[in-house]
Amino acid sequence: MTDWLQNGIIRIMERNKAQNIGNLVMKFLRMQGLEAPLNEHRLINSWGEVVGSVIVKYTTDLFIKNQTLHVHVTSAPLRQELMMARKILVKSLNEKVGSQVIVDIIFH
């Protein structure tokens, strides 16, 4: 067991306070700088749940750069509709993840 993990476990045990394992994992991810990439992955994976299966068929190549979700849309009329719903989509996606991961969406 690595020293930092072992020391962390010992410190937690010494406090004699029961802590939620989920909170401990998130704290560990935050300390290691992995929380943001994990949330970005979760947000991209939740795209289909938020927009639905019909829209998913017309969207590809999702990626996040500088807190902006980039989505390639193969239908121009759908792209226009999604642009009008951009703020609602940003809010819904962030709520799904439980954190503010993106601040904007660009449809290509």
Protein backbone atom coordinates (compact mmCIF):
# COMPACT_ATOMS: atom_id res chain seq x y z
CA MET A 1 0.00 0.00 0.00
CA THR A 2 1.43 3.37 -0.93
CA ASP A 3 2.52 5.67 1.86
CA TRP A 4 0.07 8.50 1.07
CA LEU A 5 -2.88 6.09 1.01
CA GLN A 6 -1.80 4.29 4.15
CA ASN A 7 -1.19 7.59 5.98
CA GLY A 8 -4.58 8.88 4.83
CA ILE A 9 -6.36 5.77 6.08
CA ILE A 10 -4.56 5.90 9.40
CA ARG A 11 -5.46 9.58 9.85
CA ILE A 12 -9.10 8.82 9.12
CA MET A 13 -9.13 5.89 11.54
CA GLU A 14 -7.44 7.96 14.25
CA ARG A 15 -10.24 10.52 14.13
CA ASN A 16 -12.79 7.83 15.02
CA LYS A 17 -15.35 9.53 12.81
CA ALA A 18 -17.29 7.43 10.38
CA GLN A 19 -17.28 9.03 6.94
CA ASN A 20 -19.22 8.24 3.80
CA ILE A 21 -16.99 6.30 1.38
CA GLY A 22 -18.32 8.37 -1.54
CA ASN A 23 -17.17 11.56 0.15
CA LEU A 24 -13.76 10.06 0.79
CA VAL A 25 -13.39 8.98 -2.84
CA MET A 26 -14.40 12.43 -4.10
CA LYS A 27 -11.95 14.05 -1.68
CA PHE A 28 -9.20 11.75 -2.95
CA LEU A 29 -10.06 12.53 -6.60
CA ARG A 30 -10.05 16.25 -5.85
CA MET A 31 -6.64 15.97 -4.15
CA GLN A 32 -5.23 14.10 -7.15
CA GLY A 33 -6.71 16.57 -9.67
CA LEU A 34 -8.99 13.91 -11.15
CA GLU A 35 -12.40 15.28 -10.18
CA ALA A 36 -12.78 17.60 -13.20
CA PRO A 37 -11.87 14.95 -15.83
CA LEU A 38 -14.23 12.48 -14.16
CA ASN A 39 -17.09 15.01 -14.17
CA GLU A 40 -16.40 15.82 -17.84
CA HIS A 41 -16.61 12.13 -18.68
CA ARG A 42 -19.85 11.78 -16.72
CA LEU A 43 -21.34 14.82 -18.48
CA ILE A 44 -20.52 13.51 -21.95
CA ASN A 45 -22.00 10.14 -21.02
CA SER A 46 -25.19 11.82 -19.79
CA TRP A 47 -25.75 13.65 -23.12
CA GLY A 48 -28.06 10.91 -24.40
CA GLU A 49 -30.14 10.85 -21.23
CA VAL A 50 -30.63 14.62 -21.32
CA VAL A 51 -31.41 15.12 -25.02
CA GLY A 52 -33.02 11.78 -25.85
CA SER A 53 -32.36 9.01 -28.33
CA VAL A 54 -33.66 10.84 -31.41
CA ILE A 55 -31.24 13.76 -31.02
CA VAL A 56 -28.36 11.42 -30.16
CA LYS A 57 -28.68 9.90 -33.64
CA TYR A 58 -27.77 13.27 -35.16
CA THR A 59 -24.94 14.23 -32.76
CA THR A 60 -21.37 12.96 -32.71
CA ASP A 61 -17.86 13.89 -31.59
CA LEU A 62 -18.69 15.33 -28.18
CA PHE A 63 -15.75 16.80 -26.26
CA ILE A 64 -15.15 19.43 -23.61
CA LYS A 65 -12.51 22.14 -23.89
CA ASN A 66 -12.24 25.14 -21.57
CA GLN A 67 -15.60 24.41 -19.91
CA THR A 68 -17.32 24.39 -23.32
CA LEU A 69 -19.04 21.31 -24.69
CA HIS A 70 -18.48 20.90 -28.42
CA VAL A 71 -21.04 18.82 -30.32
CA HIS A 72 -21.05 17.97 -34.01
CA VAL A 73 -24.65 17.98 -35.33
CA THR A 74 -25.36 16.35 -38.69
CA SER A 75 -28.69 18.13 -39.24
CA ALA A 76 -28.73 21.92 -39.81
CA PRO A 77 -32.35 22.41 -38.62
CA LEU A 78 -31.63 20.42 -35.47
CA ARG A 79 -28.46 22.46 -34.90
CA GLN A 80 -30.59 25.64 -34.92
CA GLU A 81 -33.07 24.14 -32.45
CA LEU A 82 -30.28 23.05 -30.13
CA MET A 83 -28.68 26.50 -30.28
CA MET A 84 -31.93 28.02 -29.06
CA ALA A 85 -32.06 25.53 -26.18
CA ARG A 86 -28.37 25.93 -25.28
CA LYS A 87 -28.86 27.51 -21.83
CA ILE A 88 -31.40 24.89 -20.81
CA LEU A 89 -29.08 22.11 -22.00
CA VAL A 90 -26.11 23.55 -20.07
CA LYS A 91 -28.21 23.71 -16.90
CA SER A 92 -29.65 20.20 -17.37
CA LEU A 93 -26.28 18.61 -18.10
CA ASN A 94 -24.60 20.26 -15.12
CA GLU A 95 -27.48 19.24 -12.84
CA LYS A 96 -27.22 15.66 -14.10
CA VAL A 97 -23.54 15.57 -13.09
CA GLY A 98 -24.09 17.52 -9.88
CA SER A 99 -21.38 20.05 -10.60
CA GLN A 100 -20.77 22.99 -12.91
CA VAL A 101 -18.67 21.31 -15.57
CA ILE A 102 -19.60 23.43 -18.59
CA VAL A 103 -20.65 27.04 -19.09
CA ASP A 104 -21.47 26.88 -22.80
CA ILE A 105 -22.17 24.54 -25.72
CA ILE A 106 -20.95 25.04 -29.27
CA PHE A 107 -22.73 23.12 -32.02
CA HIS A 108 -20.68 22.44 -35.14
